[in-house]
């Protein structure tokens, strides 16, 4: 699954609507909707660019344990490659 700018922007927009409703009641006003969308896209772009720049630091090691919780194996990671799409 790719981490895509439009999907993250949509998620932030949806979360804003949810938080608005919880805080203020009702739907967010249509006034300023385009400006909010621009801000959400900028925030999404910043997050994805940050994640892309830091992706090798995401996972240093991974420990796998069997379903009974008895045996475990730890793997060290030297690099992580996230599937990030920022150019939209």
C-alpha atoms as a PDB file:
ATOM      1  CA  UNK A   1       0.000   0.000   0.000  1.00  0.00           C
ATOM      2  CA  UNK A   2       1.380   3.381  -0.966  1.00  0.00           C
ATOM      3  CA  UNK A   3       1.231   6.335   1.381  1.00  0.00           C
ATOM      4  CA  UNK A   4      -0.388   8.856  -0.980  1.00  0.00           C
ATOM      5  CA  UNK A   5      -0.807  12.595  -0.615  1.00  0.00           C
ATOM      6  CA  UNK A   6      -4.461  12.626  -1.682  1.00  0.00           C
ATOM      7  CA  UNK A   7      -5.407   9.794   0.699  1.00  0.00           C
ATOM      8  CA  UNK A   8      -3.684  11.481   3.639  1.00  0.00           C
ATOM      9  CA  UNK A   9      -5.275  14.839   2.743  1.00  0.00           C
ATOM     10  CA  UNK A  10      -8.698  13.168   2.621  1.00  0.00           C
ATOM     11  CA  UNK A  11      -8.075  11.529   5.989  1.00  0.00           C
ATOM     12  CA  UNK A  12      -7.070  14.835   7.603  1.00  0.00           C
ATOM     13  CA  UNK A  13     -10.139  16.531   6.077  1.00  0.00           C
ATOM     14  CA  UNK A  14     -12.408  13.790   7.425  1.00  0.00           C
ATOM     15  CA  UNK A  15     -10.782  13.974  10.872  1.00  0.00           C
ATOM     16  CA  UNK A  16     -11.282  17.758  10.877  1.00  0.00           C
ATOM     17  CA  UNK A  17     -14.989  17.262  10.205  1.00  0.00           C
ATOM     18  CA  UNK A  18     -15.222  14.727  13.017  1.00  0.00           C
ATOM     19  CA  UNK A  19     -13.406  16.990  15.479  1.00  0.00           C
ATOM     20  CA  UNK A  20     -15.496  20.006  14.428  1.00  0.00           C
ATOM     21  CA  UNK A  21     -18.700  18.062  15.048  1.00  0.00           C
ATOM     22  CA  UNK A  22     -17.490  16.866  18.474  1.00  0.00           C
ATOM     23  CA  UNK A  23     -16.333  20.324  19.503  1.00  0.00           C
ATOM     24  CA  UNK A  24     -18.850  22.675  17.916  1.00  0.00           C
ATOM     25  CA  UNK A  25     -21.757  20.460  16.913  1.00  0.00           C
ATOM     26  CA  UNK A  26     -23.015  20.161  13.358  1.00  0.00           C
ATOM     27  CA  UNK A  27     -20.996  20.142  10.168  1.00  0.00           C
ATOM     28  CA  UNK A  28     -18.001  22.393   9.497  1.00  0.00           C
ATOM     29  CA  UNK A  29     -19.047  25.485   7.523  1.00  0.00           C
ATOM     30  CA  UNK A  30     -18.549  25.607   3.772  1.00  0.00           C
ATOM     31  CA  UNK A  31     -16.887  29.024   4.133  1.00  0.00           C
ATOM     32  CA  UNK A  32     -13.120  28.513   4.004  1.00  0.00           C
ATOM     33  CA  UNK A  33     -13.429  24.917   2.777  1.00  0.00           C
ATOM     34  CA  UNK A  34     -10.957  25.439  -0.098  1.00  0.00           C
ATOM     35  CA  UNK A  35      -8.438  27.124   2.198  1.00  0.00           C
ATOM     36  CA  UNK A  36      -8.749  24.303   4.737  1.00  0.00           C
ATOM     37  CA  UNK A  37      -8.214  21.749   1.987  1.00  0.00           C
ATOM     38  CA  UNK A  38      -5.064  23.600   0.880  1.00  0.00           C
ATOM     39  CA  UNK A  39      -3.781  23.626   4.469  1.00  0.00           C
ATOM     40  CA  UNK A  40      -4.552  19.910   4.901  1.00  0.00           C
ATOM     41  CA  UNK A  41      -2.712  19.104   1.657  1.00  0.00           C
ATOM     42  CA  UNK A  42       0.301  21.092   2.879  1.00  0.00           C
ATOM     43  CA  UNK A  43       0.273  19.243   6.214  1.00  0.00           C
ATOM     44  CA  UNK A  44      -0.051  15.889   4.412  1.00  0.00           C
ATOM     45  CA  UNK A  45       2.839  16.781   2.083  1.00  0.00           C
ATOM     46  CA  UNK A  46       4.999  17.782   5.040  1.00  0.00           C
ATOM     47  CA  UNK A  47       4.248  14.540   6.867  1.00  0.00           C
ATOM     48  CA  UNK A  48       4.974  12.373   3.834  1.00  0.00           C
ATOM     49  CA  UNK A  49       8.181  14.238   2.999  1.00  0.00           C
ATOM     50  CA  UNK A  50       9.308  13.852   6.613  1.00  0.00           C
ATOM     51  CA  UNK A  51       8.495  10.138   6.611  1.00  0.00           C
ATOM     52  CA  UNK A  52      10.316   9.697   3.311  1.00  0.00           C
ATOM     53  CA  UNK A  53      13.436  11.410   4.649  1.00  0.00           C
ATOM     54  CA  UNK A  54      13.348   9.361   7.878  1.00  0.00           C
ATOM     55  CA  UNK A  55      12.284   5.993   6.487  1.00  0.00           C
ATOM     56  CA  UNK A  56      15.578   4.231   7.267  1.00  0.00           C
ATOM     57  CA  UNK A  57      15.068   5.013  10.958  1.00  0.00           C
ATOM     58  CA  UNK A  58      11.594   3.488  11.221  1.00  0.00           C
ATOM     59  CA  UNK A  59      12.419  -0.080  12.122  1.00  0.00           C
ATOM     60  CA  UNK A  60      15.713  -0.975  13.779  1.00  0.00           C
ATOM     61  CA  UNK A  61      14.677  -4.521  14.671  1.00  0.00           C
ATOM     62  CA  UNK A  62      11.693  -6.820  14.452  1.00  0.00           C
ATOM     63  CA  UNK A  63      10.999  -9.635  16.912  1.00  0.00           C
ATOM     64  CA  UNK A  64       8.711 -12.456  15.796  1.00  0.00           C
ATOM     65  CA  UNK A  65       7.189 -14.776  18.394  1.00  0.00           C
ATOM     66  CA  UNK A  66       5.239 -17.970  17.750  1.00  0.00           C
ATOM     67  CA  UNK A  67       1.535 -18.021  18.593  1.00  0.00           C
ATOM     68  CA  UNK A  68       2.154 -19.768  21.935  1.00  0.00           C
ATOM     69  CA  UNK A  69       4.580 -17.007  22.928  1.00  0.00           C
ATOM     70  CA  UNK A  70       7.474 -19.445  23.351  1.00  0.00           C
ATOM     71  CA  UNK A  71      10.013 -19.037  20.557  1.00  0.00           C
ATOM     72  CA  UNK A  72      11.095 -15.693  19.238  1.00  0.00           C
ATOM     73  CA  UNK A  73      13.529 -14.544  16.593  1.00  0.00           C
ATOM     74  CA  UNK A  74      14.818 -10.996  16.287  1.00  0.00           C
ATOM     75  CA  UNK A  75      15.835  -9.566  12.932  1.00  0.00           C
ATOM     76  CA  UNK A  76      17.853  -6.366  12.626  1.00  0.00           C
ATOM     77  CA  UNK A  77      16.961  -3.981   9.813  1.00  0.00           C
ATOM     78  CA  UNK A  78      19.581  -1.896   8.060  1.00  0.00           C
ATOM     79  CA  UNK A  79      17.080  -0.014   5.894  1.00  0.00           C
ATOM     80  CA  UNK A  80      13.357   0.477   5.507  1.00  0.00           C
ATOM     81  CA  UNK A  81      11.723   1.340   2.188  1.00  0.00           C
ATOM     82  CA  UNK A  82       8.287   2.926   2.535  1.00  0.00           C
ATOM     83  CA  UNK A  83       6.088   3.248  -0.520  1.00  0.00           C
ATOM     84  CA  UNK A  84       5.432   7.021  -0.389  1.00  0.00           C
ATOM     85  CA  UNK A  85       3.845   9.048  -3.187  1.00  0.00           C
ATOM     86  CA  UNK A  86       4.206  12.817  -2.712  1.00  0.00           C
ATOM     87  CA  UNK A  87       4.149  14.140  -6.285  1.00  0.00           C
ATOM     88  CA  UNK A  88       0.469  14.879  -6.868  1.00  0.00           C
END
